[in-house]
């Protein structure tokens, strides 16, 4: 009887079915030699105990289909033994290499435009979870990074590092064209577009181009009418965050920028710079019609309307037009 059973199942003694394991398909029926397995077990028994401890544990490949063979399994196992730092995770779109597969997946979202992480408050989406976490601090008001010099707080550690350069005076990024220095690499990149004339960000509504993406976003709010920044004191709204920050100083009375010549203080550094041209006698803006010079570009623009006859500020009550907004405001008070 025993001999007959062996004849009916000639392979039964030498082989066994591999049980489903981990990520293996339930339908996987590849045969693995028992002799090979037993041989390895014998070899392992005869190895010194220290050598056995140093042997890397074999892992079963996760993705073996129902037609998988023993050779497939061994190749997959061998591939998994390669240290992660030595694997080639290459982007098929641009050829960039990454040390981890997760890094490659995140990078690929640049090409696909996938943004799977959405803010539950405003609906804004992000390609990486860390970007969503940082963004959420805008809503929560959390600013965990504090400057040890002045106590100012920031949502990002990188912003704190850039801010601290105000105190240290460090400007590590230098323009190779004109030698101008910057505290941030992004500031240098934007500045260099002045030399190259590059304006890569174009408005889809009017075709106007910009050197910086943030300038395009702010510009597009002219078309949409969006003014997302609201003053908590008076309710006035602004299309730019910087506009809100400057406005809030009206309520606080803060004028941090002081002229060293006359002691006059200003809300904005740009206003101080314009004011200091009075002391220097600097008039860099020249009218090409009559040659008159001005210390500020806005004064030149207003002056040039005398030549063109342009009056862009119109009273809604009576239809009278003015060359300057201040003149319109005075008229409306009458």
Protein backbone atom coordinates (compact mmCIF):
# COMPACT_ATOMS: atom_id res chain seq x y z
CA UNK A 1 0.00 0.00 0.00
CA UNK A 2 2.79 2.37 0.85
CA UNK A 3 4.57 1.74 -2.45
CA UNK A 4 1.32 2.28 -4.41
CA UNK A 5 0.73 5.68 -2.75
CA UNK A 6 4.23 6.72 -3.69
CA UNK A 7 3.64 5.78 -7.31
CA UNK A 8 0.38 7.72 -7.47
CA UNK A 9 2.04 10.87 -6.01
CA UNK A 10 5.66 10.73 -7.14
CA UNK A 11 6.34 14.38 -6.23
CA UNK A 12 4.68 14.39 -2.80
CA UNK A 13 7.82 13.31 -0.90
CA UNK A 14 10.10 15.87 -2.55
CA UNK A 15 7.85 18.93 -2.48
CA UNK A 16 5.34 20.84 -0.43
CA UNK A 17 2.86 23.68 -1.02
CA UNK A 18 3.99 27.14 0.12
CA UNK A 19 1.46 28.53 2.57
CA UNK A 20 0.18 32.09 1.90
CA UNK A 21 2.49 34.57 3.75
CA UNK A 22 2.38 38.33 4.18
CA UNK A 23 1.58 39.89 0.83
CA UNK A 24 1.55 36.59 -1.15
CA UNK A 25 -1.56 35.93 -3.21
CA UNK A 26 -3.85 33.21 -1.84
CA UNK A 27 -3.69 31.58 -5.27
CA UNK A 28 0.12 31.25 -5.24
CA UNK A 29 1.05 27.58 -5.69
CA UNK A 30 4.76 27.74 -6.57
CA UNK A 31 6.69 24.64 -5.42
CA UNK A 32 9.81 25.07 -3.35
CA UNK A 33 12.21 22.16 -3.00
CA UNK A 34 12.08 20.60 0.46
CA UNK A 35 15.59 19.24 0.01
CA UNK A 36 16.92 22.77 -0.60
CA UNK A 37 15.14 24.04 2.49
CA UNK A 38 16.34 21.09 4.56
CA UNK A 39 19.86 21.55 3.19
CA UNK A 40 19.90 25.17 4.27
CA UNK A 41 18.63 24.17 7.69
CA UNK A 42 21.48 21.63 8.03
CA UNK A 43 24.05 24.22 6.94
CA UNK A 44 22.64 26.66 9.50
CA UNK A 45 22.93 24.05 12.26
CA UNK A 46 26.63 23.52 11.51
CA UNK A 47 27.47 27.25 11.40
CA UNK A 48 28.94 28.91 14.49
CA UNK A 49 26.23 30.63 16.58
CA UNK A 50 27.87 34.10 16.11
CA UNK A 51 27.79 33.71 12.31
CA UNK A 52 24.13 32.75 12.44
CA UNK A 53 23.28 35.90 14.38
CA UNK A 54 24.99 38.09 11.75
CA UNK A 55 23.03 36.64 8.84
CA UNK A 56 20.30 38.99 7.54
CA UNK A 57 16.81 37.57 7.87
CA UNK A 58 15.30 36.49 4.55
CA UNK A 59 12.14 38.34 3.55
CA UNK A 60 9.39 37.08 1.28
CA UNK A 61 8.60 39.40 -1.63
CA UNK A 62 5.35 41.32 -1.22
CA UNK A 63 4.11 41.31 -4.79
CA UNK A 64 4.18 37.78 -6.27
CA UNK A 65 1.33 36.91 -8.64
CA UNK A 66 -0.50 33.61 -8.85
CA UNK A 67 1.90 32.40 -11.56
CA UNK A 68 4.98 33.17 -9.44
CA UNK A 69 7.89 30.68 -9.37
CA UNK A 70 10.60 29.87 -6.88
CA UNK A 71 13.06 31.87 -9.01
CA UNK A 72 10.75 34.95 -8.85
CA UNK A 73 10.66 34.62 -5.08
CA UNK A 74 14.44 34.41 -4.76
CA UNK A 75 15.02 37.40 -7.07
CA UNK A 76 12.53 39.53 -5.13
CA UNK A 77 14.12 38.52 -1.83
CA UNK A 78 17.60 39.37 -3.14
CA UNK A 79 16.40 42.78 -4.32
CA UNK A 80 15.00 43.57 -0.87
CA UNK A 81 18.39 42.83 0.69
CA UNK A 82 19.95 45.81 -1.18
CA UNK A 83 20.49 48.66 1.33
CA UNK A 84 17.86 51.38 0.81
CA UNK A 85 20.56 54.03 0.28
CA UNK A 86 21.95 52.10 -2.70
CA UNK A 87 18.64 51.48 -4.50
CA UNK A 88 17.96 53.52 -7.61
CA UNK A 89 14.66 55.32 -7.18
CA UNK A 90 14.69 57.27 -10.43
CA UNK A 91 11.95 59.57 -11.71
CA UNK A 92 10.93 58.47 -15.20
CA UNK A 93 9.84 62.04 -16.04
CA UNK A 94 13.01 64.03 -15.27
CA UNK A 95 15.64 61.43 -14.30
CA UNK A 96 16.14 62.72 -10.74
CA UNK A 97 17.31 60.04 -8.25
CA UNK A 98 16.14 59.55 -4.67
CA UNK A 99 17.51 57.46 -1.80
CA UNK A 100 14.03 56.35 -0.72
CA UNK A 101 10.94 55.22 -2.60
CA UNK A 102 8.76 57.54 -0.50
CA UNK A 103 10.90 60.50 -1.63
CA UNK A 104 10.31 59.49 -5.25
CA UNK A 105 6.52 59.24 -4.70
CA UNK A 106 6.43 62.75 -3.19
CA UNK A 107 8.53 64.12 -6.05
CA UNK A 108 6.31 62.55 -8.72
CA UNK A 109 3.41 64.69 -7.50
CA UNK A 110 5.20 67.69 -9.03
CA UNK A 111 4.68 66.12 -12.46
CA UNK A 112 1.19 64.69 -11.87
CA UNK A 113 -0.13 67.71 -9.98
CA UNK A 114 -1.57 65.41 -7.31
CA UNK A 115 -2.37 67.21 -4.04
CA UNK A 116 -3.96 64.58 -1.76
CA UNK A 117 -3.80 66.53 1.52
CA UNK A 118 -6.67 69.00 1.95
CA UNK A 119 -7.20 71.64 4.63
CA UNK A 120 -10.51 71.03 6.44
CA UNK A 121 -10.87 74.77 7.15
CA UNK A 122 -10.35 76.44 3.77
CA UNK A 123 -10.08 73.50 1.34
CA UNK A 124 -6.57 74.35 0.15
CA UNK A 125 -4.70 71.22 -1.00
CA UNK A 126 -1.07 70.17 -0.69
CA UNK A 127 1.21 67.54 -2.19
CA UNK A 128 2.81 66.66 1.18
CA UNK A 129 1.33 66.21 4.66
CA UNK A 130 4.05 68.40 6.25
CA UNK A 131 2.96 71.32 4.07
CA UNK A 132 -0.63 70.89 5.31
CA UNK A 133 0.57 70.86 8.94
CA UNK A 134 2.48 74.10 8.39
CA UNK A 135 -0.45 75.69 6.57
CA UNK A 136 -2.88 74.81 9.35
CA UNK A 137 -0.93 77.11 11.67
CA UNK A 138 -2.36 80.02 9.65
CA UNK A 139 -5.82 79.07 10.96
CA UNK A 140 -4.81 77.96 14.46
CA UNK A 141 -2.52 80.94 15.05
CA UNK A 142 0.22 78.61 16.31
CA UNK A 143 3.71 80.15 16.02
CA UNK A 144 6.05 77.73 17.79
CA UNK A 145 9.38 79.23 16.70
CA UNK A 146 10.47 82.26 18.78
CA UNK A 147 13.37 84.67 18.19
CA UNK A 148 15.63 84.81 21.27
CA UNK A 149 16.61 88.40 20.42
CA UNK A 150 13.27 90.17 20.07
CA UNK A 151 10.65 87.56 21.01
CA UNK A 152 8.97 87.59 17.61
CA UNK A 153 7.34 84.25 16.77
CA UNK A 154 7.01 82.35 13.49
CA UNK A 155 5.09 79.39 12.10
CA UNK A 156 8.18 77.94 10.36
CA UNK A 157 11.72 77.37 11.66
CA UNK A 158 13.11 78.46 8.26
CA UNK A 159 11.35 81.82 8.61
CA UNK A 160 12.90 82.26 12.06
CA UNK A 161 16.39 81.55 10.64
CA UNK A 162 15.85 84.15 7.92
CA UNK A 163 14.51 86.66 10.49
CA UNK A 164 17.53 86.21 12.79
CA UNK A 165 19.75 87.52 10.00
CA UNK A 166 18.18 90.94 10.63
CA UNK A 167 19.87 90.89 14.04
CA UNK A 168 23.16 89.37 12.87
CA UNK A 169 23.35 91.38 9.63
CA UNK A 170 24.21 88.19 7.76
CA UNK A 171 23.50 88.29 4.01
CA UNK A 172 25.00 85.09 2.62
CA UNK A 173 23.49 85.21 -0.88
CA UNK A 174 25.32 87.50 -3.36
CA UNK A 175 24.31 88.46 -6.89
CA UNK A 176 27.14 87.66 -9.32
CA UNK A 177 25.99 90.47 -11.65
CA UNK A 178 25.87 93.49 -9.33
CA UNK A 179 27.13 92.25 -5.96
CA UNK A 180 23.88 92.93 -4.09
CA UNK A 181 23.48 90.68 -1.04
CA UNK A 182 20.39 88.93 0.32
CA UNK A 183 19.36 87.18 3.53
CA UNK A 184 17.39 84.55 1.59
CA UNK A 185 18.23 82.45 -1.47
CA UNK A 186 14.72 83.11 -2.80
CA UNK A 187 15.42 86.85 -2.64
CA UNK A 188 18.52 86.37 -4.79
CA UNK A 189 16.64 84.21 -7.33
CA UNK A 190 13.91 86.87 -7.67
CA UNK A 191 16.47 89.67 -7.93
CA UNK A 192 18.45 87.93 -10.69
CA UNK A 193 15.36 88.05 -12.90
CA UNK A 194 15.88 91.83 -13.07
CA UNK A 195 19.14 91.13 -14.93
CA UNK A 196 17.76 88.32 -17.10
CA UNK A 197 14.39 89.96 -17.75
CA UNK A 198 12.69 86.65 -17.00
CA UNK A 199 9.01 86.86 -16.02
CA UNK A 200 7.85 83.25 -15.83
CA UNK A 201 4.48 83.80 -14.13
CA UNK A 202 1.73 84.93 -16.50
CA UNK A 203 -1.83 85.95 -15.65
CA UNK A 204 -4.35 83.84 -17.59
CA UNK A 205 -6.87 86.71 -17.51
CA UNK A 206 -4.89 89.61 -18.94
CA UNK A 207 -1.52 88.14 -19.98
CA UNK A 208 0.53 90.31 -17.61
CA UNK A 209 3.75 88.58 -16.50
CA UNK A 210 5.59 88.64 -13.18
CA UNK A 211 9.01 87.70 -11.86
CA UNK A 212 7.57 86.14 -8.71
CA UNK A 213 4.68 83.70 -8.21
CA UNK A 214 3.38 85.57 -5.14
CA UNK A 215 3.09 88.76 -7.22
CA UNK A 216 0.95 86.86 -9.75
CA UNK A 217 -1.32 85.53 -6.97
CA UNK A 218 -1.73 89.04 -5.53
CA UNK A 219 -2.39 90.45 -9.03
CA UNK A 220 -5.07 87.83 -9.81
CA UNK A 221 -7.09 89.14 -6.87
CA UNK A 222 -7.70 92.29 -8.93
CA UNK A 223 -9.70 90.10 -11.34
CA UNK A 224 -11.41 87.96 -8.68
CA UNK A 225 -12.00 90.79 -6.19
CA UNK A 226 -10.74 88.53 -3.40
CA UNK A 227 -9.54 90.34 -0.26
CA UNK A 228 -8.80 87.54 2.24
CA UNK A 229 -6.94 89.58 4.87
CA UNK A 230 -9.26 91.30 7.38
CA UNK A 231 -8.32 93.83 10.06
CA UNK A 232 -9.71 92.67 13.42
CA UNK A 233 -9.93 96.29 14.61
CA UNK A 234 -11.96 97.98 11.88
CA UNK A 235 -12.92 95.20 9.45
CA UNK A 236 -11.03 96.67 6.49
CA UNK A 237 -10.00 94.00 3.99
CA UNK A 238 -6.84 93.63 1.92
CA UNK A 239 -5.71 91.58 -1.05
CA UNK A 240 -2.20 91.20 0.43
CA UNK A 241 -1.03 90.19 3.89
CA UNK A 242 1.63 92.92 3.84
CA UNK A 243 -1.15 95.46 3.27
CA UNK A 244 -2.90 94.28 6.43
CA UNK A 245 0.32 94.36 8.51
CA UNK A 246 1.07 97.93 7.41
CA UNK A 247 -2.53 98.99 8.05
CA UNK A 248 -2.58 97.54 11.58
CA UNK A 249 0.24 99.90 12.56
CA UNK A 250 -2.27 102.75 12.17
CA UNK A 251 -4.21 101.27 15.10
CA UNK A 252 -1.15 100.50 17.22
CA UNK A 253 0.60 103.78 16.38
CA UNK A 254 3.79 101.87 15.69
CA UNK A 255 6.33 103.69 13.52
CA UNK A 256 9.48 101.60 13.74
CA UNK A 257 11.46 103.26 10.92
CA UNK A 258 13.17 106.49 12.04
CA UNK A 259 15.12 108.97 9.93
CA UNK A 260 18.58 109.54 11.42
CA UNK A 261 18.72 113.03 9.82
CA UNK A 262 15.57 114.65 11.21
CA UNK A 263 14.09 112.07 13.59
CA UNK A 264 10.86 111.63 11.65
CA UNK A 265 9.36 108.13 11.97
CA UNK A 266 7.51 105.99 9.44
CA UNK A 267 5.34 102.90 9.34
CA UNK A 268 7.19 101.38 6.36
CA UNK A 269 10.89 101.10 5.55
CA UNK A 270 10.12 101.97 1.92
CA UNK A 271 8.55 105.26 3.05
CA UNK A 272 11.67 106.05 5.09
CA UNK A 273 13.88 105.35 2.04
CA UNK A 274 11.77 107.70 -0.08
CA UNK A 275 11.90 110.38 2.64
CA UNK A 276 15.69 110.18 2.93
CA UNK A 277 16.00 111.19 -0.73
CA UNK A 278 14.85 114.66 0.38
CA UNK A 279 17.94 114.97 2.59
CA UNK A 280 20.23 113.61 -0.10
CA UNK A 281 18.69 115.81 -2.77
CA UNK A 282 18.23 112.70 -4.88
CA UNK A 283 15.72 112.97 -7.73
CA UNK A 284 16.11 109.86 -9.84
CA UNK A 285 12.73 109.90 -11.66
CA UNK A 286 12.75 112.15 -14.74
CA UNK A 287 9.77 113.19 -16.90
CA UNK A 288 10.60 112.40 -20.53
CA UNK A 289 8.21 115.13 -21.68
CA UNK A 290 9.61 118.16 -19.86
CA UNK A 291 12.67 116.89 -17.95
CA UNK A 292 11.27 117.64 -14.47
CA UNK A 293 12.76 115.41 -11.77
CA UNK A 294 11.13 113.68 -8.81
CA UNK A 295 12.33 111.77 -5.75
CA UNK A 296 9.49 109.24 -5.96
CA UNK A 297 8.08 107.30 -8.90
CA UNK A 298 4.49 107.95 -7.79
CA UNK A 299 5.08 111.72 -8.10
CA UNK A 300 6.38 111.26 -11.64
CA UNK A 301 3.30 109.19 -12.57
CA UNK A 302 0.98 111.85 -11.15
CA UNK A 303 2.92 114.61 -12.92
CA UNK A 304 2.83 112.83 -16.27
CA UNK A 305 -0.96 112.95 -16.24
CA UNK A 306 -0.66 116.71 -16.80
CA UNK A 307 0.84 115.90 -20.20
CA UNK A 308 -1.52 113.03 -21.09
CA UNK A 309 -4.70 114.57 -19.64
CA UNK A 310 -5.49 111.28 -17.88
CA UNK A 311 -7.89 111.59 -14.93
CA UNK A 312 -8.45 108.07 -13.61
CA UNK A 313 -10.26 108.98 -10.36
CA UNK A 314 -13.96 109.69 -10.94
CA UNK A 315 -16.61 110.83 -8.46
CA UNK A 316 -19.60 108.46 -8.47
CA UNK A 317 -21.91 111.26 -7.37
CA UNK A 318 -21.28 113.88 -10.05
CA UNK A 319 -18.93 112.20 -12.55
CA UNK A 320 -16.08 114.71 -12.08
CA UNK A 321 -12.62 113.21 -12.63
CA UNK A 322 -9.24 113.85 -11.03
CA UNK A 323 -5.58 113.10 -11.68
CA UNK A 324 -4.94 112.08 -8.05
CA UNK A 325 -6.91 109.97 -5.56
CA UNK A 326 -6.24 112.57 -2.82
CA UNK A 327 -7.96 115.23 -4.93
CA UNK A 328 -11.00 112.95 -5.31
CA UNK A 329 -11.17 112.38 -1.54
CA UNK A 330 -11.07 116.15 -0.89
CA UNK A 331 -13.83 116.68 -3.46
CA UNK A 332 -16.06 113.99 -1.88
CA UNK A 333 -15.83 115.68 1.53
CA UNK A 334 -17.41 118.87 0.16
